[in-house]
Amino acid sequence: MDPDRRLTIRARWVNVVVVAGLVLVVAACGSSASPPPKLNPLAALQEAKAKADASSSVHFVLTSSNVGNSGTNITRGAGDLVRPDELQGSFSVTIKGLTLDAKVVSKGTVFEALLPFAKGYVKTNPASFGLTNPAQLMDPNTGLTSLLANPQNPRVTGQERVAGELLDTVTFSVPGTSIPVLPDANPSKPVTLIAAIDASSHELRQVTLVGPLTSATSNSTFTLTLTDYNEQVNITLPPTS
């Protein structure tokens, strides 16, 4: 074959390879997935509130840290909340440094507790546990989700894994006077909230409150984890002794 013709054919193949490579690069760039839309913190809170307010029940686990030793303070608990105003579960309470475990059932305005060594449930005031009526947590206007309705400076603060689920977190503050059920030793100061939300279901999975809740001079932390929305739960007030 003529040498000049060989050079011409080789040059054509080089051009074909170069053009094919460029096409692949452009195609790869054009097919790259668009970045996920940035989470709107206010919309995320509104959707989580609507989903929670539409639920018939939810299971909760309460934990805490840096709780004051003076007075009566709740430190942990677990149980079920049923709309509109029912609760059953167990709580641990510190009374002047001593820990007391009790089972609790609440329905409407009736609050009953089974204390250690007691023969049966007794009607009591939830203030004995450092609380207002915990059944109010399900109230959309004054309960837990009411804190999501008027957040101050809401902002997306990343993601957090809770019980194996990767959740979006939104941090904001609320006035101390708006905190339901839990105590607030210095309501003049705002309380910081971190809401962990499932982006796919819009379910509120966890709420962490940080502020002067049990001491006017130092912050304590309460975390409420929520699971098992809309499970069938029947709560009946037990007979009292």
C-alpha atoms as a PDB file:
ATOM      1  CA  MET A   1       0.000   0.000   0.000  1.00  0.00           C
ATOM      2  CA  ASP A   2       1.159   3.496  -0.781  1.00  0.00           C
ATOM      3  CA  PRO A   3       2.800   5.069   2.352  1.00  0.00           C
ATOM      4  CA  ASP A   4       0.850   8.311   1.938  1.00  0.00           C
ATOM      5  CA  ARG A   5      -2.414   6.388   1.837  1.00  0.00           C
ATOM      6  CA  ARG A   6      -1.484   4.551   5.056  1.00  0.00           C
ATOM      7  CA  LEU A   7      -0.875   7.876   6.800  1.00  0.00           C
ATOM      8  CA  THR A   8      -4.232   9.159   5.572  1.00  0.00           C
ATOM      9  CA  ILE A   9      -6.114   6.093   6.864  1.00  0.00           C
ATOM     10  CA  ARG A  10      -4.306   6.233  10.219  1.00  0.00           C
ATOM     11  CA  ALA A  11      -5.113   9.916  10.591  1.00  0.00           C
ATOM     12  CA  ARG A  12      -8.795   9.202   9.911  1.00  0.00           C
ATOM     13  CA  TRP A  13      -8.901   6.497  12.633  1.00  0.00           C
ATOM     14  CA  VAL A  14      -7.249   8.856  15.104  1.00  0.00           C
ATOM     15  CA  ASN A  15      -9.919  11.455  14.343  1.00  0.00           C
ATOM     16  CA  VAL A  16     -12.694   8.872  14.809  1.00  0.00           C
ATOM     17  CA  VAL A  17     -11.295   7.769  18.186  1.00  0.00           C
ATOM     18  CA  VAL A  18     -10.921  11.367  19.395  1.00  0.00           C
ATOM     19  CA  VAL A  19     -14.437  12.312  18.326  1.00  0.00           C
ATOM     20  CA  ALA A  20     -15.891   9.170  19.935  1.00  0.00           C
ATOM     21  CA  GLY A  21     -14.081   9.968  23.174  1.00  0.00           C
ATOM     22  CA  LEU A  22     -15.447  13.506  23.191  1.00  0.00           C
ATOM     23  CA  VAL A  23     -18.978  12.219  22.576  1.00  0.00           C
ATOM     24  CA  LEU A  24     -18.683   9.854  25.549  1.00  0.00           C
ATOM     25  CA  VAL A  25     -17.391  12.619  27.818  1.00  0.00           C
ATOM     26  CA  VAL A  26     -20.187  14.997  26.809  1.00  0.00           C
ATOM     27  CA  ALA A  27     -22.804  12.267  27.229  1.00  0.00           C
ATOM     28  CA  ALA A  28     -21.489  11.382  30.675  1.00  0.00           C
ATOM     29  CA  CYS A  29     -21.611  14.996  31.753  1.00  0.00           C
ATOM     30  CA  GLY A  30     -25.103  15.464  30.371  1.00  0.00           C
ATOM     31  CA  SER A  31     -26.482  12.343  32.075  1.00  0.00           C
ATOM     32  CA  SER A  32     -25.107  13.097  35.537  1.00  0.00           C
ATOM     33  CA  ALA A  33     -27.843  13.229  38.149  1.00  0.00           C
ATOM     34  CA  SER A  34     -28.878  16.678  39.291  1.00  0.00           C
ATOM     35  CA  PRO A  35     -28.099  17.463  42.909  1.00  0.00           C
ATOM     36  CA  PRO A  36     -31.049  16.906  45.255  1.00  0.00           C
ATOM     37  CA  PRO A  37     -33.100  20.022  45.965  1.00  0.00           C
ATOM     38  CA  LYS A  38     -32.071  21.932  49.054  1.00  0.00           C
ATOM     39  CA  LEU A  39     -34.328  21.204  52.010  1.00  0.00           C
ATOM     40  CA  ASN A  40     -36.615  24.056  52.962  1.00  0.00           C
ATOM     41  CA  PRO A  41     -36.512  24.056  56.789  1.00  0.00           C
ATOM     42  CA  LEU A  42     -39.832  25.832  57.304  1.00  0.00           C
ATOM     43  CA  ALA A  43     -41.643  23.585  54.825  1.00  0.00           C
ATOM     44  CA  ALA A  44     -40.077  20.485  56.412  1.00  0.00           C
ATOM     45  CA  LEU A  45     -41.347  21.521  59.843  1.00  0.00           C
ATOM     46  CA  GLN A  46     -44.828  22.280  58.514  1.00  0.00           C
ATOM     47  CA  GLU A  47     -45.038  18.904  56.748  1.00  0.00           C
ATOM     48  CA  ALA A  48     -43.808  17.071  59.860  1.00  0.00           C
ATOM     49  CA  LYS A  49     -46.375  18.849  62.023  1.00  0.00           C
ATOM     50  CA  ALA A  50     -49.209  18.029  59.609  1.00  0.00           C
ATOM     51  CA  LYS A  51     -48.197  14.361  59.470  1.00  0.00           C
ATOM     52  CA  ALA A  52     -47.937  14.075  63.257  1.00  0.00           C
ATOM     53  CA  ASP A  53     -51.219  15.919  63.858  1.00  0.00           C
ATOM     54  CA  ALA A  54     -52.982  13.503  61.505  1.00  0.00           C
ATOM     55  CA  SER A  55     -51.735  10.448  63.386  1.00  0.00           C
ATOM     56  CA  SER A  56     -53.921   8.528  65.810  1.00  0.00           C
ATOM     57  CA  SER A  57     -51.079   7.353  68.055  1.00  0.00           C
ATOM     58  CA  VAL A  58     -47.316   7.264  68.458  1.00  0.00           C
ATOM     59  CA  HIS A  59     -44.786   5.428  70.603  1.00  0.00           C
ATOM     60  CA  PHE A  60     -42.285   7.592  72.485  1.00  0.00           C
ATOM     61  CA  VAL A  61     -38.994   7.197  74.302  1.00  0.00           C
ATOM     62  CA  LEU A  62     -37.780  10.062  76.495  1.00  0.00           C
ATOM     63  CA  THR A  63     -34.155  10.541  77.569  1.00  0.00           C
ATOM     64  CA  SER A  64     -32.380  13.415  79.251  1.00  0.00           C
ATOM     65  CA  SER A  65     -29.019  14.748  80.379  1.00  0.00           C
ATOM     66  CA  ASN A  66     -27.765  17.388  82.800  1.00  0.00           C
ATOM     67  CA  VAL A  67     -31.011  17.354  84.739  1.00  0.00           C
ATOM     68  CA  GLY A  68     -30.865  19.301  87.993  1.00  0.00           C
ATOM     69  CA  ASN A  69     -30.711  17.504  91.342  1.00  0.00           C
ATOM     70  CA  SER A  70     -32.964  19.887  93.214  1.00  0.00           C
ATOM     71  CA  GLY A  71     -36.727  19.524  93.242  1.00  0.00           C
ATOM     72  CA  THR A  72     -38.618  16.932  91.227  1.00  0.00           C
ATOM     73  CA  ASN A  73     -37.546  16.223  87.659  1.00  0.00           C
ATOM     74  CA  ILE A  74     -38.368  13.566  85.108  1.00  0.00           C
ATOM     75  CA  THR A  75     -35.291  11.921  83.578  1.00  0.00           C
ATOM     76  CA  ARG A  76     -36.557   9.242  81.194  1.00  0.00           C
ATOM     77  CA  GLY A  77     -39.660   7.415  80.075  1.00  0.00           C
ATOM     78  CA  ALA A  78     -41.308   5.306  77.402  1.00  0.00           C
ATOM     79  CA  GLY A  79     -44.850   4.554  76.362  1.00  0.00           C
ATOM     80  CA  ASP A  80     -47.661   5.395  73.959  1.00  0.00           C
ATOM     81  CA  LEU A  81     -49.622   8.528  73.205  1.00  0.00           C
ATOM     82  CA  VAL A  82     -53.118   8.226  71.762  1.00  0.00           C
ATOM     83  CA  ARG A  83     -55.170  11.051  70.358  1.00  0.00           C
ATOM     84  CA  PRO A  84     -56.743  13.141  71.683  1.00  0.00           C
ATOM     85  CA  ASP A  85     -55.448  13.014  75.265  1.00  0.00           C
ATOM     86  CA  GLU A  86     -54.368   9.542  76.386  1.00  0.00           C
ATOM     87  CA  LEU A  87     -51.041   8.171  77.597  1.00  0.00           C
ATOM     88  CA  GLN A  88     -49.662   5.021  79.129  1.00  0.00           C
ATOM     89  CA  GLY A  89     -46.061   4.243  79.986  1.00  0.00           C
ATOM     90  CA  SER A  90     -43.381   4.334  82.613  1.00  0.00           C
ATOM     91  CA  PHE A  91     -41.185   7.167  83.866  1.00  0.00           C
ATOM     92  CA  SER A  92     -38.146   7.695  86.043  1.00  0.00           C
ATOM     93  CA  VAL A  93     -38.210  10.731  88.293  1.00  0.00           C
ATOM     94  CA  THR A  94     -35.541  12.225  90.528  1.00  0.00           C
ATOM     95  CA  ILE A  95     -36.767  13.679  93.806  1.00  0.00           C
ATOM     96  CA  LYS A  96     -34.000  15.561  95.582  1.00  0.00           C
ATOM     97  CA  GLY A  97     -31.412  13.294  94.000  1.00  0.00           C
ATOM     98  CA  LEU A  98     -33.275  10.024  94.568  1.00  0.00           C
ATOM     99  CA  THR A  99     -34.652   8.097  91.567  1.00  0.00           C
ATOM    100  CA  LEU A 100     -38.214   6.837  91.535  1.00  0.00           C
ATOM    101  CA  ASP A 101     -39.685   4.575  88.824  1.00  0.00           C
ATOM    102  CA  ALA A 102     -43.406   4.586  88.220  1.00  0.00           C
ATOM    103  CA  LYS A 103     -45.988   3.384  85.742  1.00  0.00           C
ATOM    104  CA  VAL A 104     -48.421   6.009  84.537  1.00  0.00           C
ATOM    105  CA  VAL A 105     -51.815   6.061  82.801  1.00  0.00           C
ATOM    106  CA  SER A 106     -53.478   9.310  81.824  1.00  0.00           C
ATOM    107  CA  LYS A 107     -56.779   9.953  80.107  1.00  0.00           C
ATOM    108  CA  GLY A 108     -58.385  13.350  79.815  1.00  0.00           C
ATOM    109  CA  THR A 109     -57.786  15.143  83.092  1.00  0.00           C
ATOM    110  CA  VAL A 110     -57.260  11.928  85.096  1.00  0.00           C
ATOM    111  CA  PHE A 111     -53.637  11.009  85.884  1.00  0.00           C
ATOM    112  CA  GLU A 112     -52.916   7.728  87.674  1.00  0.00           C
ATOM    113  CA  ALA A 113     -49.594   6.329  88.852  1.00  0.00           C
ATOM    114  CA  LEU A 114     -48.349   3.022  90.198  1.00  0.00           C
ATOM    115  CA  LEU A 115     -45.489   3.766  92.562  1.00  0.00           C
ATOM    116  CA  PRO A 116     -42.883   1.289  93.870  1.00  0.00           C
ATOM    117  CA  PHE A 117     -44.194  -0.914  96.655  1.00  0.00           C
ATOM    118  CA  ALA A 118     -47.743   0.422  96.172  1.00  0.00           C
ATOM    119  CA  LYS A 119     -50.644  -2.042  96.021  1.00  0.00           C
ATOM    120  CA  GLY A 120     -52.271  -0.354  93.063  1.00  0.00           C
ATOM    121  CA  TYR A 121     -52.668   2.780  90.992  1.00  0.00           C
ATOM    122  CA  VAL A 122     -53.591   6.037  92.683  1.00  0.00           C
ATOM    123  CA  LYS A 123     -54.927   9.258  91.225  1.00  0.00           C
ATOM    124  CA  THR A 124     -52.291  11.938  91.551  1.00  0.00           C
ATOM    125  CA  ASN A 125     -51.144  15.257  90.173  1.00  0.00           C
ATOM    126  CA  PRO A 126     -48.610  15.060  87.320  1.00  0.00           C
ATOM    127  CA  ALA A 127     -46.761  17.897  89.061  1.00  0.00           C
ATOM    128  CA  SER A 128     -45.560  15.189  91.441  1.00  0.00           C
ATOM    129  CA  PHE A 129     -43.457  14.002  88.497  1.00  0.00           C
ATOM    130  CA  GLY A 130     -42.283  17.440  87.478  1.00  0.00           C
ATOM    131  CA  LEU A 131     -44.830  17.586  84.643  1.00  0.00           C
ATOM    132  CA  THR A 132     -48.059  19.065  83.526  1.00  0.00           C
ATOM    133  CA  ASN A 133     -50.476  16.496  82.086  1.00  0.00           C
ATOM    134  CA  PRO A 134     -48.349  14.548  79.535  1.00  0.00           C
ATOM    135  CA  ALA A 135     -51.435  13.557  77.561  1.00  0.00           C
ATOM    136  CA  GLN A 136     -51.416  17.161  76.302  1.00  0.00           C
ATOM    137  CA  LEU A 137     -48.437  16.289  74.109  1.00  0.00           C
ATOM    138  CA  MET A 138     -50.867  15.212  71.354  1.00  0.00           C
ATOM    139  CA  ASP A 139     -52.677  18.557  71.283  1.00  0.00           C
ATOM    140  CA  PRO A 140     -51.867  20.221  67.932  1.00  0.00           C
ATOM    141  CA  ASN A 141     -52.290  23.723  69.395  1.00  0.00           C
ATOM    142  CA  THR A 142     -50.502  23.415  72.733  1.00  0.00           C
ATOM    143  CA  GLY A 143     -48.614  20.121  72.533  1.00  0.00           C
ATOM    144  CA  LEU A 144     -45.344  18.967  71.070  1.00  0.00           C
ATOM    145  CA  THR A 145     -46.084  19.786  67.439  1.00  0.00           C
ATOM    146  CA  SER A 146     -47.152  23.325  68.344  1.00  0.00           C
ATOM    147  CA  LEU A 147     -43.433  24.049  68.727  1.00  0.00           C
ATOM    148  CA  LEU A 148     -42.995  23.409  65.003  1.00  0.00           C
ATOM    149  CA  ALA A 149     -45.634  25.952  64.012  1.00  0.00           C
ATOM    150  CA  ASN A 150     -43.753  29.181  64.795  1.00  0.00           C
ATOM    151  CA  PRO A 151     -40.028  28.413  64.753  1.00  0.00           C
ATOM    152  CA  GLN A 152     -37.523  31.198  65.218  1.00  0.00           C
ATOM    153  CA  ASN A 153     -34.635  31.166  62.714  1.00  0.00           C
ATOM    154  CA  PRO A 154     -35.171  27.609  61.407  1.00  0.00           C
ATOM    155  CA  ARG A 155     -32.159  26.223  59.550  1.00  0.00           C
ATOM    156  CA  VAL A 156     -31.076  22.892  58.148  1.00  0.00           C
ATOM    157  CA  THR A 157     -28.214  21.549  60.252  1.00  0.00           C
ATOM    158  CA  GLY A 158     -27.355  18.311  58.488  1.00  0.00           C
ATOM    159  CA  GLN A 159     -28.383  14.725  59.016  1.00  0.00           C
ATOM    160  CA  GLU A 160     -28.512  12.362  61.977  1.00  0.00           C
ATOM    161  CA  ARG A 161     -28.935   8.613  62.183  1.00  0.00           C
ATOM    162  CA  VAL A 162     -31.636   7.559  64.643  1.00  0.00           C
ATOM    163  CA  ALA A 163     -32.365   3.859  65.120  1.00  0.00           C
ATOM    164  CA  GLY A 164     -30.779   3.099  61.761  1.00  0.00           C
ATOM    165  CA  GLU A 165     -32.678   5.806  59.867  1.00  0.00           C
ATOM    166  CA  LEU A 166     -30.840   8.727  58.272  1.00  0.00           C
ATOM    167  CA  LEU A 167     -32.894  11.815  59.110  1.00  0.00           C
ATOM    168  CA  ASP A 168     -32.706  15.476  58.168  1.00  0.00           C
ATOM    169  CA  THR A 169     -32.270  17.844  61.100  1.00  0.00           C
ATOM    170  CA  VAL A 170     -33.734  21.321  61.437  1.00  0.00           C
ATOM    171  CA  THR A 171     -32.606  23.521  64.322  1.00  0.00           C
ATOM    172  CA  PHE A 172     -34.578  26.487  65.613  1.00  0.00           C
ATOM    173  CA  SER A 173     -35.597  28.191  68.838  1.00  0.00           C
ATOM    174  CA  VAL A 174     -38.886  28.842  70.603  1.00  0.00           C
ATOM    175  CA  PRO A 175     -39.832  31.027  73.568  1.00  0.00           C
ATOM    176  CA  GLY A 176     -39.418  29.323  76.913  1.00  0.00           C
ATOM    177  CA  THR A 177     -43.032  30.120  77.715  1.00  0.00           C
ATOM    178  CA  SER A 178     -44.253  27.820  74.918  1.00  0.00           C
ATOM    179  CA  ILE A 179     -42.719  24.550  76.198  1.00  0.00           C
ATOM    180  CA  PRO A 180     -45.492  22.010  76.887  1.00  0.00           C
ATOM    181  CA  VAL A 181     -45.562  19.395  79.669  1.00  0.00           C
ATOM    182  CA  LEU A 182     -41.875  19.698  80.648  1.00  0.00           C
ATOM    183  CA  PRO A 183     -40.806  22.246  83.261  1.00  0.00           C
ATOM    184  CA  ASP A 184     -39.025  25.470  82.379  1.00  0.00           C
ATOM    185  CA  ALA A 185     -37.040  27.042  85.199  1.00  0.00           C
ATOM    186  CA  ASN A 186     -36.308  30.217  83.239  1.00  0.00           C
ATOM    187  CA  PRO A 187     -39.070  30.834  80.677  1.00  0.00           C
ATOM    188  CA  SER A 188     -37.634  34.263  79.819  1.00  0.00           C
ATOM    189  CA  LYS A 189     -34.868  32.515  77.853  1.00  0.00           C
ATOM    190  CA  PRO A 190     -35.479  30.758  74.519  1.00  0.00           C
ATOM    191  CA  VAL A 191     -35.154  27.002  74.163  1.00  0.00           C
ATOM    192  CA  THR A 192     -33.268  25.421  71.261  1.00  0.00           C
ATOM    193  CA  LEU A 193     -34.979  22.588  69.400  1.00  0.00           C
ATOM    194  CA  ILE A 194     -33.525  20.081  66.965  1.00  0.00           C
ATOM    195  CA  ALA A 195     -36.174  18.278  64.907  1.00  0.00           C
ATOM    196  CA  ALA A 196     -35.115  15.083  63.098  1.00  0.00           C
ATOM    197  CA  ILE A 197     -37.437  14.374  60.171  1.00  0.00           C
ATOM    198  CA  ASP A 198     -37.769  11.479  57.747  1.00  0.00           C
ATOM    199  CA  ALA A 199     -37.577  13.208  54.350  1.00  0.00           C
ATOM    200  CA  SER A 200     -39.502  10.466  52.527  1.00  0.00           C
ATOM    201  CA  SER A 201     -42.433  10.075  54.925  1.00  0.00           C
ATOM    202  CA  HIS A 202     -42.277  13.566  56.496  1.00  0.00           C
ATOM    203  CA  GLU A 203     -42.598  11.917  59.906  1.00  0.00           C
ATOM    204  CA  LEU A 204     -41.152  13.663  62.918  1.00  0.00           C
ATOM    205  CA  ARG A 205     -38.832  11.061  64.427  1.00  0.00           C
ATOM    206  CA  GLN A 206     -37.071  12.945  67.172  1.00  0.00           C
ATOM    207  CA  VAL A 207     -37.204  16.264  68.997  1.00  0.00           C
ATOM    208  CA  THR A 208     -34.375  17.468  71.217  1.00  0.00           C
ATOM    209  CA  LEU A 209     -34.907  20.424  73.552  1.00  0.00           C
ATOM    210  CA  VAL A 210     -31.958  22.288  75.072  1.00  0.00           C
ATOM    211  CA  GLY A 211     -32.464  25.095  77.550  1.00  0.00           C
ATOM    212  CA  PRO A 212     -32.859  26.112  81.207  1.00  0.00           C
ATOM    213  CA  LEU A 213     -35.595  23.544  81.741  1.00  0.00           C
ATOM    214  CA  THR A 214     -34.675  22.220  85.189  1.00  0.00           C
ATOM    215  CA  SER A 215     -32.270  24.952  86.314  1.00  0.00           C
ATOM    216  CA  ALA A 216     -32.447  28.689  85.759  1.00  0.00           C
ATOM    217  CA  THR A 217     -28.671  28.926  85.434  1.00  0.00           C
ATOM    218  CA  SER A 218     -27.693  25.884  83.309  1.00  0.00           C
ATOM    219  CA  ASN A 219     -29.070  24.024  80.322  1.00  0.00           C
ATOM    220  CA  SER A 220     -30.547  20.553  80.412  1.00  0.00           C
ATOM    221  CA  THR A 221     -31.402  18.376  77.428  1.00  0.00           C
ATOM    222  CA  PHE A 222     -34.523  16.322  76.796  1.00  0.00           C
ATOM    223  CA  THR A 223     -34.860  14.086  73.730  1.00  0.00           C
ATOM    224  CA  LEU A 224     -38.152  12.582  72.644  1.00  0.00           C
ATOM    225  CA  THR A 225     -37.907   9.825  70.014  1.00  0.00           C
ATOM    226  CA  LEU A 226     -41.114   8.969  68.139  1.00  0.00           C
ATOM    227  CA  THR A 227     -41.885   5.710  66.301  1.00  0.00           C
ATOM    228  CA  ASP A 228     -44.804   3.424  65.375  1.00  0.00           C
ATOM    229  CA  TYR A 229     -47.210   6.069  64.151  1.00  0.00           C
ATOM    230  CA  ASN A 230     -50.867   5.010  63.885  1.00  0.00           C
ATOM    231  CA  GLU A 231     -50.496   1.697  65.708  1.00  0.00           C
ATOM    232  CA  GLN A 232     -53.651   0.302  67.311  1.00  0.00           C
ATOM    233  CA  VAL A 233     -53.303   1.172  71.013  1.00  0.00           C
ATOM    234  CA  ASN A 234     -56.113   0.889  73.587  1.00  0.00           C
ATOM    235  CA  ILE A 235     -55.657   2.717  76.868  1.00  0.00           C
ATOM    236  CA  THR A 236     -57.917   2.067  79.840  1.00  0.00           C
ATOM    237  CA  LEU A 237     -57.679   3.676  83.231  1.00  0.00           C
ATOM    238  CA  PRO A 238     -56.864   0.957  85.795  1.00  0.00           C
ATOM    239  CA  PRO A 239     -58.857   0.724  89.031  1.00  0.00           C
ATOM    240  CA  THR A 240     -57.360   2.771  91.852  1.00  0.00           C
ATOM    241  CA  SER A 241     -56.630   1.514  95.339  1.00  0.00           C
END
